[in-house]
Amino acid sequence: MDSAAWFGLSAGSFAAIAAMATASYLCRVLGVILMAHVPLTTPVRRGLAALPGSIIVAIIAPLVVRGGPAALAALGAALTSMLIKRNELLALAVGLTTVTLLRAAGI
């Protein structure tokens, strides 16, 4: 085995993965370090509290737009489940089940 090929990867691929891992780690560490110097005022606390929801919307919205009627119905089912049961895992399961069944039915 070539000494430059680790785990079946070329040296360039391995370097790219190592660079991405380093960048990801630095983003996490620098985020903690920078937030240690930010005063947690009420507006900052509210912004941080709203961040997880806004990230979910930013991820889900494009998927629903491109996913067609099955994705829209799955979103509706997941939201309804969330409003009734207030359980994120159940809402995820309901949404995934809905989109799977609708796509299997050809919708």
PDB file of N, CA and C in Angstrom:
ATOM      1  N   MET A   1       0.847  -1.179   0.000  1.00  0.00           N
ATOM      2  CA  MET A   1       0.000   0.000   0.000  1.00  0.00           C
ATOM      3  C   MET A   1       0.889   1.237   0.000  1.00  0.00           C
ATOM      4  N   ASP A   2       0.512   2.194  -0.781  1.00  0.00           N
ATOM      5  CA  ASP A   2       1.262   3.445  -0.881  1.00  0.00           C
ATOM      6  C   ASP A   2       1.208   4.175   0.452  1.00  0.00           C
ATOM      7  N   SER A   3       2.339   4.702   0.893  1.00  0.00           N
ATOM      8  CA  SER A   3       2.377   5.384   2.189  1.00  0.00           C
ATOM      9  C   SER A   3       1.540   6.662   2.186  1.00  0.00           C
ATOM     10  N   ALA A   4       1.263   7.232   1.004  1.00  0.00           N
ATOM     11  CA  ALA A   4       0.465   8.459   0.928  1.00  0.00           C
ATOM     12  C   ALA A   4      -1.028   8.168   0.936  1.00  0.00           C
ATOM     13  N   ALA A   5      -1.417   6.902   0.802  1.00  0.00           N
ATOM     14  CA  ALA A   5      -2.838   6.552   0.743  1.00  0.00           C
ATOM     15  C   ALA A   5      -3.263   5.946   2.079  1.00  0.00           C
ATOM     16  N   TRP A   6      -3.846   6.740   2.925  1.00  0.00           N
ATOM     17  CA  TRP A   6      -4.339   6.276   4.214  1.00  0.00           C
ATOM     18  C   TRP A   6      -5.815   5.986   4.093  1.00  0.00           C
ATOM     19  N   PHE A   7      -6.217   4.830   4.567  1.00  0.00           N
ATOM     20  CA  PHE A   7      -7.611   4.406   4.519  1.00  0.00           C
ATOM     21  C   PHE A   7      -8.172   4.476   3.105  1.00  0.00           C
ATOM     22  N   GLY A   8      -7.340   4.240   2.125  1.00  0.00           N
ATOM     23  CA  GLY A   8      -7.788   4.260   0.745  1.00  0.00           C
ATOM     24  C   GLY A   8      -7.960   5.650   0.163  1.00  0.00           C
ATOM     25  N   LEU A   9      -7.495   6.673   0.859  1.00  0.00           N
ATOM     26  CA  LEU A   9      -7.627   8.052   0.388  1.00  0.00           C
ATOM     27  C   LEU A   9      -6.306   8.541  -0.173  1.00  0.00           C
ATOM     28  N   SER A  10      -6.401   9.365  -1.189  1.00  0.00           N
ATOM     29  CA  SER A  10      -5.185   9.989  -1.704  1.00  0.00           C
ATOM     30  C   SER A  10      -4.730  11.053  -0.711  1.00  0.00           C
ATOM     31  N   ALA A  11      -3.521  11.515  -0.866  1.00  0.00           N
ATOM     32  CA  ALA A  11      -2.984  12.539   0.035  1.00  0.00           C
ATOM     33  C   ALA A  11      -3.812  13.815  -0.044  1.00  0.00           C
ATOM     34  N   GLY A  12      -4.266  14.170  -1.243  1.00  0.00           N
ATOM     35  CA  GLY A  12      -5.088  15.375  -1.401  1.00  0.00           C
ATOM     36  C   GLY A  12      -6.426  15.260  -0.696  1.00  0.00           C
ATOM     37  N   SER A  13      -7.073  14.085  -0.826  1.00  0.00           N
ATOM     38  CA  SER A  13      -8.358  13.869  -0.152  1.00  0.00           C
ATOM     39  C   SER A  13      -8.186  13.901   1.358  1.00  0.00           C
ATOM     40  N   PHE A  14      -7.144  13.244   1.834  1.00  0.00           N
ATOM     41  CA  PHE A  14      -6.888  13.234   3.273  1.00  0.00           C
ATOM     42  C   PHE A  14      -6.621  14.645   3.785  1.00  0.00           C
ATOM     43  N   ALA A  15      -5.861  15.433   3.029  1.00  0.00           N
ATOM     44  CA  ALA A  15      -5.568  16.814   3.430  1.00  0.00           C
ATOM     45  C   ALA A  15      -6.841  17.650   3.454  1.00  0.00           C
ATOM     46  N   ALA A  16      -7.730  17.442   2.486  1.00  0.00           N
ATOM     47  CA  ALA A  16      -8.988  18.193   2.452  1.00  0.00           C
ATOM     48  C   ALA A  16      -9.856  17.849   3.656  1.00  0.00           C
ATOM     49  N   ILE A  17      -9.948  16.562   3.990  1.00  0.00           N
ATOM     50  CA  ILE A  17     -10.737  16.144   5.153  1.00  0.00           C
ATOM     51  C   ILE A  17     -10.125  16.701   6.432  1.00  0.00           C
ATOM     52  N   ALA A  18      -8.813  16.655   6.549  1.00  0.00           N
ATOM     53  CA  ALA A  18      -8.140  17.200   7.735  1.00  0.00           C
ATOM     54  C   ALA A  18      -8.363  18.703   7.844  1.00  0.00           C
ATOM     55  N   ALA A  19      -8.321  19.410   6.726  1.00  0.00           N
ATOM     56  CA  ALA A  19      -8.553  20.862   6.748  1.00  0.00           C
ATOM     57  C   ALA A  19      -9.986  21.174   7.162  1.00  0.00           C
ATOM     58  N   MET A  20     -10.965  20.404   6.655  1.00  0.00           N
ATOM     59  CA  MET A  20     -12.363  20.635   7.037  1.00  0.00           C
ATOM     60  C   MET A  20     -12.595  20.322   8.511  1.00  0.00           C
ATOM     61  N   ALA A  21     -11.975  19.257   9.005  1.00  0.00           N
ATOM     62  CA  ALA A  21     -12.105  18.917  10.422  1.00  0.00           C
ATOM     63  C   ALA A  21     -11.503  20.010  11.292  1.00  0.00           C
ATOM     64  N   THR A  22     -10.356  20.528  10.888  1.00  0.00           N
ATOM     65  CA  THR A  22      -9.712  21.616  11.630  1.00  0.00           C
ATOM     66  C   THR A  22     -10.574  22.867  11.619  1.00  0.00           C
ATOM     67  N   ALA A  23     -11.131  23.206  10.465  1.00  0.00           N
ATOM     68  CA  ALA A  23     -11.994  24.390  10.366  1.00  0.00           C
ATOM     69  C   ALA A  23     -13.233  24.230  11.240  1.00  0.00           C
ATOM     70  N   SER A  24     -13.828  23.036  11.241  1.00  0.00           N
ATOM     71  CA  SER A  24     -15.008  22.787  12.070  1.00  0.00           C
ATOM     72  C   SER A  24     -14.668  22.925  13.555  1.00  0.00           C
ATOM     73  N   TYR A  25     -13.557  22.342  13.957  1.00  0.00           N
ATOM     74  CA  TYR A  25     -13.128  22.432  15.349  1.00  0.00           C
ATOM     75  C   TYR A  25     -12.862  23.880  15.747  1.00  0.00           C
ATOM     76  N   LEU A  26     -12.177  24.627  14.896  1.00  0.00           N
ATOM     77  CA  LEU A  26     -11.872  26.029  15.199  1.00  0.00           C
ATOM     78  C   LEU A  26     -13.141  26.869  15.303  1.00  0.00           C
ATOM     79  N   CYS A  27     -14.130  26.594  14.457  1.00  0.00           N
ATOM     80  CA  CYS A  27     -15.400  27.331  14.547  1.00  0.00           C
ATOM     81  C   CYS A  27     -16.049  27.112  15.910  1.00  0.00           C
ATOM     82  N   ARG A  28     -16.037  25.876  16.373  1.00  0.00           N
ATOM     83  CA  ARG A  28     -16.645  25.586  17.673  1.00  0.00           C
ATOM     84  C   ARG A  28     -15.867  26.246  18.815  1.00  0.00           C
ATOM     85  N   VAL A  29     -14.566  26.083  18.801  1.00  0.00           N
ATOM     86  CA  VAL A  29     -13.737  26.626  19.879  1.00  0.00           C
ATOM     87  C   VAL A  29     -13.776  28.150  19.884  1.00  0.00           C
ATOM     88  N   LEU A  30     -13.621  28.761  18.719  1.00  0.00           N
ATOM     89  CA  LEU A  30     -13.632  30.225  18.657  1.00  0.00           C
ATOM     90  C   LEU A  30     -14.999  30.790  19.025  1.00  0.00           C
ATOM     91  N   GLY A  31     -16.068  30.052  18.721  1.00  0.00           N
ATOM     92  CA  GLY A  31     -17.399  30.494  19.134  1.00  0.00           C
ATOM     93  C   GLY A  31     -17.515  30.577  20.649  1.00  0.00           C
ATOM     94  N   VAL A  32     -16.998  29.568  21.330  1.00  0.00           N
ATOM     95  CA  VAL A  32     -17.026  29.566  22.796  1.00  0.00           C
ATOM     96  C   VAL A  32     -16.150  30.692  23.342  1.00  0.00           C
ATOM     97  N   ILE A  33     -14.968  30.857  22.765  1.00  0.00           N
ATOM     98  CA  ILE A  33     -14.049  31.899  23.238  1.00  0.00           C
ATOM     99  C   ILE A  33     -14.639  33.287  23.013  1.00  0.00           C
ATOM    100  N   LEU A  34     -15.185  33.523  21.824  1.00  0.00           N
ATOM    101  CA  LEU A  34     -15.764  34.840  21.532  1.00  0.00           C
ATOM    102  C   LEU A  34     -16.980  35.126  22.407  1.00  0.00           C
ATOM    103  N   MET A  35     -17.839  34.129  22.622  1.00  0.00           N
ATOM    104  CA  MET A  35     -19.034  34.357  23.437  1.00  0.00           C
ATOM    105  C   MET A  35     -18.689  34.583  24.905  1.00  0.00           C
ATOM    106  N   ALA A  36     -17.508  34.171  25.333  1.00  0.00           N
ATOM    107  CA  ALA A  36     -17.083  34.446  26.707  1.00  0.00           C
ATOM    108  C   ALA A  36     -16.863  35.939  26.919  1.00  0.00           C
ATOM    109  N   HIS A  37     -16.667  36.682  25.830  1.00  0.00           N
ATOM    110  CA  HIS A  37     -16.412  38.120  25.922  1.00  0.00           C
ATOM    111  C   HIS A  37     -17.623  38.971  25.547  1.00  0.00           C
ATOM    112  N   VAL A  38     -18.749  38.338  25.234  1.00  0.00           N
ATOM    113  CA  VAL A  38     -19.961  39.077  24.869  1.00  0.00           C
ATOM    114  C   VAL A  38     -20.854  39.159  26.097  1.00  0.00           C
ATOM    115  N   PRO A  39     -21.213  40.374  26.512  1.00  0.00           N
ATOM    116  CA  PRO A  39     -22.120  40.475  27.658  1.00  0.00           C
ATOM    117  C   PRO A  39     -23.501  39.931  27.283  1.00  0.00           C
ATOM    118  N   LEU A  40     -24.057  39.087  28.142  1.00  0.00           N
ATOM    119  CA  LEU A  40     -25.347  38.469  27.859  1.00  0.00           C
ATOM    120  C   LEU A  40     -26.486  39.378  28.310  1.00  0.00           C
ATOM    121  N   THR A  41     -26.739  40.387  27.502  1.00  0.00           N
ATOM    122  CA  THR A  41     -27.857  41.284  27.767  1.00  0.00           C
ATOM    123  C   THR A  41     -29.152  40.588  27.363  1.00  0.00           C
ATOM    124  N   THR A  42     -30.268  41.187  27.694  1.00  0.00           N
ATOM    125  CA  THR A  42     -31.566  40.597  27.356  1.00  0.00           C
ATOM    126  C   THR A  42     -31.729  40.380  25.854  1.00  0.00           C
ATOM    127  N   PRO A  43     -31.398  41.356  24.994  1.00  0.00           N
ATOM    128  CA  PRO A  43     -31.531  41.095  23.555  1.00  0.00           C
ATOM    129  C   PRO A  43     -30.628  39.958  23.055  1.00  0.00           C
ATOM    130  N   VAL A  44     -29.432  39.853  23.609  1.00  0.00           N
ATOM    131  CA  VAL A  44     -28.527  38.771  23.203  1.00  0.00           C
ATOM    132  C   VAL A  44     -29.100  37.429  23.638  1.00  0.00           C
ATOM    133  N   ARG A  45     -29.630  37.364  24.847  1.00  0.00           N
ATOM    134  CA  ARG A  45     -30.243  36.120  25.332  1.00  0.00           C
ATOM    135  C   ARG A  45     -31.422  35.710  24.458  1.00  0.00           C
ATOM    136  N   ARG A  46     -32.273  36.688  24.093  1.00  0.00           N
ATOM    137  CA  ARG A  46     -33.417  36.380  23.228  1.00  0.00           C
ATOM    138  C   ARG A  46     -32.952  35.894  21.860  1.00  0.00           C
ATOM    139  N   GLY A  47     -31.915  36.524  21.329  1.00  0.00           N
ATOM    140  CA  GLY A  47     -31.382  36.100  20.036  1.00  0.00           C
ATOM    141  C   GLY A  47     -30.830  34.690  20.082  1.00  0.00           C
ATOM    142  N   LEU A  48     -30.098  34.375  21.145  1.00  0.00           N
ATOM    143  CA  LEU A  48     -29.550  33.028  21.291  1.00  0.00           C
ATOM    144  C   LEU A  48     -30.655  31.997  21.504  1.00  0.00           C
ATOM    145  N   ALA A  49     -31.718  32.384  22.207  1.00  0.00           N
ATOM    146  CA  ALA A  49     -32.837  31.465  22.422  1.00  0.00           C
ATOM    147  C   ALA A  49     -33.573  31.174  21.116  1.00  0.00           C
ATOM    148  N   ALA A  50     -33.629  32.158  20.206  1.00  0.00           N
ATOM    149  CA  ALA A  50     -34.332  31.980  18.932  1.00  0.00           C
ATOM    150  C   ALA A  50     -33.478  31.279  17.885  1.00  0.00           C
ATOM    151  N   LEU A  51     -32.199  31.168  18.116  1.00  0.00           N
ATOM    152  CA  LEU A  51     -31.283  30.626  17.110  1.00  0.00           C
ATOM    153  C   LEU A  51     -31.598  29.192  16.676  1.00  0.00           C
ATOM    154  N   PRO A  52     -31.860  28.245  17.586  1.00  0.00           N
ATOM    155  CA  PRO A  52     -32.142  26.876  17.118  1.00  0.00           C
ATOM    156  C   PRO A  52     -33.346  26.804  16.181  1.00  0.00           C
ATOM    157  N   GLY A  53     -34.406  27.513  16.507  1.00  0.00           N
ATOM    158  CA  GLY A  53     -35.589  27.508  15.643  1.00  0.00           C
ATOM    159  C   GLY A  53     -35.315  28.099  14.279  1.00  0.00           C
ATOM    160  N   SER A  54     -34.540  29.175  14.247  1.00  0.00           N
ATOM    161  CA  SER A  54     -34.241  29.803  12.959  1.00  0.00           C
ATOM    162  C   SER A  54     -33.330  28.922  12.112  1.00  0.00           C
ATOM    163  N   ILE A  55     -32.469  28.153  12.747  1.00  0.00           N
ATOM    164  CA  ILE A  55     -31.614  27.228  12.002  1.00  0.00           C
ATOM    165  C   ILE A  55     -32.460  26.112  11.393  1.00  0.00           C
ATOM    166  N   ILE A  56     -33.406  25.597  12.164  1.00  0.00           N
ATOM    167  CA  ILE A  56     -34.297  24.556  11.647  1.00  0.00           C
ATOM    168  C   ILE A  56     -35.080  25.077  10.447  1.00  0.00           C
ATOM    169  N   VAL A  57     -35.623  26.288  10.559  1.00  0.00           N
ATOM    170  CA  VAL A  57     -36.379  26.872   9.446  1.00  0.00           C
ATOM    171  C   VAL A  57     -35.480  27.049   8.228  1.00  0.00           C
ATOM    172  N   ALA A  58     -34.258  27.498   8.435  1.00  0.00           N
ATOM    173  CA  ALA A  58     -33.332  27.702   7.317  1.00  0.00           C
ATOM    174  C   ALA A  58     -32.983  26.391   6.619  1.00  0.00           C
ATOM    175  N   ILE A  59     -32.997  25.305   7.340  1.00  0.00           N
ATOM    176  CA  ILE A  59     -32.702  24.006   6.736  1.00  0.00           C
ATOM    177  C   ILE A  59     -33.942  23.413   6.076  1.00  0.00           C
ATOM    178  N   ILE A  60     -35.085  23.503   6.747  1.00  0.00           N
ATOM    179  CA  ILE A  60     -36.304  22.848   6.282  1.00  0.00           C
ATOM    180  C   ILE A  60     -36.969  23.586   5.124  1.00  0.00           C
ATOM    181  N   ALA A  61     -36.985  24.915   5.146  1.00  0.00           N
ATOM    182  CA  ALA A  61     -37.713  25.681   4.121  1.00  0.00           C
ATOM    183  C   ALA A  61     -37.275  25.341   2.695  1.00  0.00           C
ATOM    184  N   PRO A  62     -35.986  25.332   2.381  1.00  0.00           N
ATOM    185  CA  PRO A  62     -35.607  24.969   1.003  1.00  0.00           C
ATOM    186  C   PRO A  62     -35.985  23.530   0.636  1.00  0.00           C
ATOM    187  N   LEU A  63     -35.922  22.624   1.608  1.00  0.00           N
ATOM    188  CA  LEU A  63     -36.304  21.239   1.334  1.00  0.00           C
ATOM    189  C   LEU A  63     -37.784  21.130   0.997  1.00  0.00           C
ATOM    190  N   VAL A  64     -38.609  21.883   1.719  1.00  0.00           N
ATOM    191  CA  VAL A  64     -40.051  21.852   1.463  1.00  0.00           C
ATOM    192  C   VAL A  64     -40.365  22.467   0.107  1.00  0.00           C
ATOM    193  N   VAL A  65     -39.697  23.567  -0.227  1.00  0.00           N
ATOM    194  CA  VAL A  65     -39.939  24.227  -1.513  1.00  0.00           C
ATOM    195  C   VAL A  65     -39.585  23.287  -2.663  1.00  0.00           C
ATOM    196  N   ARG A  66     -38.468  22.589  -2.555  1.00  0.00           N
ATOM    197  CA  ARG A  66     -38.044  21.675  -3.623  1.00  0.00           C
ATOM    198  C   ARG A  66     -38.733  20.325  -3.547  1.00  0.00           C
ATOM    199  N   GLY A  67     -39.270  19.977  -2.378  1.00  0.00           N
ATOM    200  CA  GLY A  67     -39.811  18.634  -2.170  1.00  0.00           C
ATOM    201  C   GLY A  67     -41.200  18.400  -2.702  1.00  0.00           C
ATOM    202  N   GLY A  68     -41.894  19.447  -3.077  1.00  0.00           N
ATOM    203  CA  GLY A  68     -43.223  19.290  -3.655  1.00  0.00           C
ATOM    204  C   GLY A  68     -44.294  19.013  -2.622  1.00  0.00           C
ATOM    205  N   PRO A  69     -45.438  18.488  -3.093  1.00  0.00           N
ATOM    206  CA  PRO A  69     -46.593  18.296  -2.211  1.00  0.00           C
ATOM    207  C   PRO A  69     -46.341  17.310  -1.073  1.00  0.00           C
ATOM    208  N   ALA A  70     -45.541  16.281  -1.313  1.00  0.00           N
ATOM    209  CA  ALA A  70     -45.270  15.308  -0.249  1.00  0.00           C
ATOM    210  C   ALA A  70     -44.525  15.968   0.906  1.00  0.00           C
ATOM    211  N   ALA A  71     -43.552  16.798   0.586  1.00  0.00           N
ATOM    212  CA  ALA A  71     -42.788  17.482   1.630  1.00  0.00           C
ATOM    213  C   ALA A  71     -43.656  18.493   2.367  1.00  0.00           C
ATOM    214  N   LEU A  72     -44.519  19.182   1.640  1.00  0.00           N
ATOM    215  CA  LEU A  72     -45.411  20.158   2.272  1.00  0.00           C
ATOM    216  C   LEU A  72     -46.396  19.462   3.209  1.00  0.00           C
ATOM    217  N   ALA A  73     -46.940  18.338   2.776  1.00  0.00           N
ATOM    218  CA  ALA A  73     -47.854  17.574   3.633  1.00  0.00           C
ATOM    219  C   ALA A  73     -47.123  17.037   4.860  1.00  0.00           C
ATOM    220  N   ALA A  74     -45.888  16.588   4.678  1.00  0.00           N
ATOM    221  CA  ALA A  74     -45.102  16.081   5.806  1.00  0.00           C
ATOM    222  C   ALA A  74     -44.816  17.187   6.807  1.00  0.00           C
ATOM    223  N   LEU A  75     -44.524  18.378   6.304  1.00  0.00           N
ATOM    224  CA  LEU A  75     -44.303  19.514   7.196  1.00  0.00           C
ATOM    225  C   LEU A  75     -45.569  19.819   7.987  1.00  0.00           C
ATOM    226  N   GLY A  76     -46.706  19.815   7.308  1.00  0.00           N
ATOM    227  CA  GLY A  76     -47.979  20.050   7.997  1.00  0.00           C
ATOM    228  C   GLY A  76     -48.260  19.001   9.055  1.00  0.00           C
ATOM    229  N   ALA A  77     -47.991  17.749   8.735  1.00  0.00           N
ATOM    230  CA  ALA A  77     -48.210  16.669   9.701  1.00  0.00           C
ATOM    231  C   ALA A  77     -47.274  16.806  10.898  1.00  0.00           C
ATOM    232  N   ALA A  78     -46.019  17.143  10.636  1.00  0.00           N
ATOM    233  CA  ALA A  78     -45.055  17.308  11.728  1.00  0.00           C
ATOM    234  C   ALA A  78     -45.430  18.491  12.614  1.00  0.00           C
ATOM    235  N   LEU A  79     -45.849  19.598  11.994  1.00  0.00           N
ATOM    236  CA  LEU A  79     -46.262  20.766  12.784  1.00  0.00           C
ATOM    237  C   LEU A  79     -47.490  20.457  13.629  1.00  0.00           C
ATOM    238  N   THR A  80     -48.449  19.751  13.045  1.00  0.00           N
ATOM    239  CA  THR A  80     -49.652  19.378  13.796  1.00  0.00           C
ATOM    240  C   THR A  80     -49.284  18.488  14.975  1.00  0.00           C
ATOM    241  N   SER A  81     -48.417  17.518  14.731  1.00  0.00           N
ATOM    242  CA  SER A  81     -47.965  16.638  15.804  1.00  0.00           C
ATOM    243  C   SER A  81     -47.266  17.429  16.905  1.00  0.00           C
ATOM    244  N   MET A  82     -46.451  18.388  16.499  1.00  0.00           N
ATOM    245  CA  MET A  82     -45.723  19.206  17.477  1.00  0.00           C
ATOM    246  C   MET A  82     -46.679  20.053  18.305  1.00  0.00           C
ATOM    247  N   LEU A  83     -47.693  20.620  17.658  1.00  0.00           N
ATOM    248  CA  LEU A  83     -48.662  21.441  18.387  1.00  0.00           C
ATOM    249  C   LEU A  83     -49.475  20.614  19.381  1.00  0.00           C
ATOM    250  N   ILE A  84     -49.780  19.381  19.015  1.00  0.00           N
ATOM    251  CA  ILE A  84     -50.615  18.546  19.876  1.00  0.00           C
ATOM    252  C   ILE A  84     -49.802  17.900  21.000  1.00  0.00           C
ATOM    253  N   LYS A  85     -48.676  17.280  20.659  1.00  0.00           N
ATOM    254  CA  LYS A  85     -47.915  16.487  21.638  1.00  0.00           C
ATOM    255  C   LYS A  85     -46.697  17.188  22.229  1.00  0.00           C
ATOM    256  N   ARG A  86     -46.192  18.232  21.568  1.00  0.00           N
ATOM    257  CA  ARG A  86     -44.994  18.954  22.033  1.00  0.00           C
ATOM    258  C   ARG A  86     -43.798  18.018  22.215  1.00  0.00           C
ATOM    259  N   ASN A  87     -43.616  17.126  21.243  1.00  0.00           N
ATOM    260  CA  ASN A  87     -42.527  16.155  21.297  1.00  0.00           C
ATOM    261  C   ASN A  87     -41.790  16.206  19.964  1.00  0.00           C
ATOM    262  N   GLU A  88     -40.544  16.697  19.989  1.00  0.00           N
ATOM    263  CA  GLU A  88     -39.786  16.880  18.754  1.00  0.00           C
ATOM    264  C   GLU A  88     -39.506  15.563  18.038  1.00  0.00           C
ATOM    265  N   LEU A  89     -39.167  14.534  18.787  1.00  0.00           N
ATOM    266  CA  LEU A  89     -38.852  13.245  18.177  1.00  0.00           C
ATOM    267  C   LEU A  89     -40.087  12.646  17.505  1.00  0.00           C
ATOM    268  N   LEU A  90     -41.227  12.770  18.150  1.00  0.00           N
ATOM    269  CA  LEU A  90     -42.471  12.282  17.551  1.00  0.00           C
ATOM    270  C   LEU A  90     -42.801  13.071  16.286  1.00  0.00           C
ATOM    271  N   ALA A  91     -42.630  14.391  16.328  1.00  0.00           N
ATOM    272  CA  ALA A  91     -42.897  15.216  15.146  1.00  0.00           C
ATOM    273  C   ALA A  91     -41.978  14.824  13.995  1.00  0.00           C
ATOM    274  N   LEU A  92     -40.726  14.543  14.294  1.00  0.00           N
ATOM    275  CA  LEU A  92     -39.785  14.095  13.268  1.00  0.00           C
ATOM    276  C   LEU A  92     -40.242  12.772  12.663  1.00  0.00           C
ATOM    277  N   ALA A  93     -40.635  11.839  13.514  1.00  0.00           N
ATOM    278  CA  ALA A  93     -41.097  10.534  13.029  1.00  0.00           C
ATOM    279  C   ALA A  93     -42.361  10.670  12.184  1.00  0.00           C
ATOM    280  N   VAL A  94     -43.287  11.518  12.619  1.00  0.00           N
ATOM    281  CA  VAL A  94     -44.526  11.734  11.859  1.00  0.00           C
ATOM    282  C   VAL A  94     -44.214  12.337  10.497  1.00  0.00           C
ATOM    283  N   GLY A  95     -43.351  13.338  10.461  1.00  0.00           N
ATOM    284  CA  GLY A  95     -42.986  13.971   9.196  1.00  0.00           C
ATOM    285  C   GLY A  95     -42.297  13.005   8.247  1.00  0.00           C
ATOM    286  N   LEU A  96     -41.337  12.248   8.760  1.00  0.00           N
ATOM    287  CA  LEU A  96     -40.625  11.282   7.915  1.00  0.00           C
ATOM    288  C   LEU A  96     -41.548  10.179   7.414  1.00  0.00           C
ATOM    289  N   THR A  97     -42.425   9.700   8.284  1.00  0.00           N
ATOM    290  CA  THR A  97     -43.373   8.667   7.871  1.00  0.00           C
ATOM    291  C   THR A  97     -44.309   9.197   6.798  1.00  0.00           C
ATOM    292  N   THR A  98     -44.798  10.412   6.987  1.00  0.00           N
ATOM    293  CA  THR A  98     -45.710  11.011   6.012  1.00  0.00           C
ATOM    294  C   THR A  98     -45.054  11.156   4.650  1.00  0.00           C
ATOM    295  N   VAL A  99     -43.867  11.730   4.608  1.00  0.00           N
ATOM    296  CA  VAL A  99     -43.204  11.930   3.313  1.00  0.00           C
ATOM    297  C   VAL A  99     -42.850  10.590   2.672  1.00  0.00           C
ATOM    298  N   THR A 100     -42.473   9.611   3.470  1.00  0.00           N
ATOM    299  CA  THR A 100     -42.141   8.294   2.924  1.00  0.00           C
ATOM    300  C   THR A 100     -43.361   7.633   2.304  1.00  0.00           C
ATOM    301  N   LEU A 101     -44.481   7.649   3.020  1.00  0.00           N
ATOM    302  CA  LEU A 101     -45.699   7.020   2.503  1.00  0.00           C
ATOM    303  C   LEU A 101     -46.226   7.739   1.266  1.00  0.00           C
ATOM    304  N   LEU A 102     -46.199   9.064   1.285  1.00  0.00           N
ATOM    305  CA  LEU A 102     -46.692   9.812   0.128  1.00  0.00           C
ATOM    306  C   LEU A 102     -45.809   9.598  -1.098  1.00  0.00           C
ATOM    307  N   ARG A 103     -44.518   9.566  -0.911  1.00  0.00           N
ATOM    308  CA  ARG A 103     -43.622   9.328  -2.056  1.00  0.00           C
ATOM    309  C   ARG A 103     -43.736   7.891  -2.553  1.00  0.00           C
ATOM    310  N   ALA A 104     -43.964   6.946  -1.640  1.00  0.00           N
ATOM    311  CA  ALA A 104     -44.174   5.561  -2.061  1.00  0.00           C
ATOM    312  C   ALA A 104     -45.472   5.432  -2.857  1.00  0.00           C
ATOM    313  N   ALA A 105     -46.450   6.288  -2.534  1.00  0.00           N
ATOM    314  CA  ALA A 105     -47.725   6.286  -3.259  1.00  0.00           C
ATOM    315  C   ALA A 105     -47.636   7.056  -4.569  1.00  0.00           C
ATOM    316  N   GLY A 106     -46.493   7.671  -4.825  1.00  0.00           N
ATOM    317  CA  GLY A 106     -46.305   8.382  -6.083  1.00  0.00           C
ATOM    318  C   GLY A 106     -46.696   9.845  -6.054  1.00  0.00           C
ATOM    319  N   ILE A 107     -46.894  10.380  -4.879  1.00  0.00           N
ATOM    320  CA  ILE A 107     -47.292  11.800  -4.766  1.00  0.00           C
ATOM    321  C   ILE A 107     -46.057  12.665  -4.665  1.00  0.00           C
TER     322      ILE A 107
END
